[in-house]
Amino acid sequence: MCLGVPGKIVEISEKNGLQMAKVDFGGIFREACLDYVPEAQVGDYCIIHVGFAISLLSESEAMETLELLKQIADIEEELGPETT
């Protein structure tokens, strides 16, 4: 399963001819390529998948998605490790 995670663009720069961003994932910062969303600006929220921003979304959509991911993590923690 592949997962795209929302993050907030905090800085934009160019690296080796590519538009790059520093993206904040709740205090964890990662670099991502913005070439698929060239209209992105600092302060925008975007979905990051394998190091690429693949779409932009509103802050409310990003917060809703992050809350759902938190609920999934909480459920997995409650259930404990999977046994077979």
Foldseek 3Di string as FASTA:
>chain_A
DWAWAKWFFADWDADPNFIKTFTDDPNDTDIATEPLPVVDDHGWMFTDTPRYGNGTDHPVVNVVVVVVVVVVVVVDVVVDDDDD
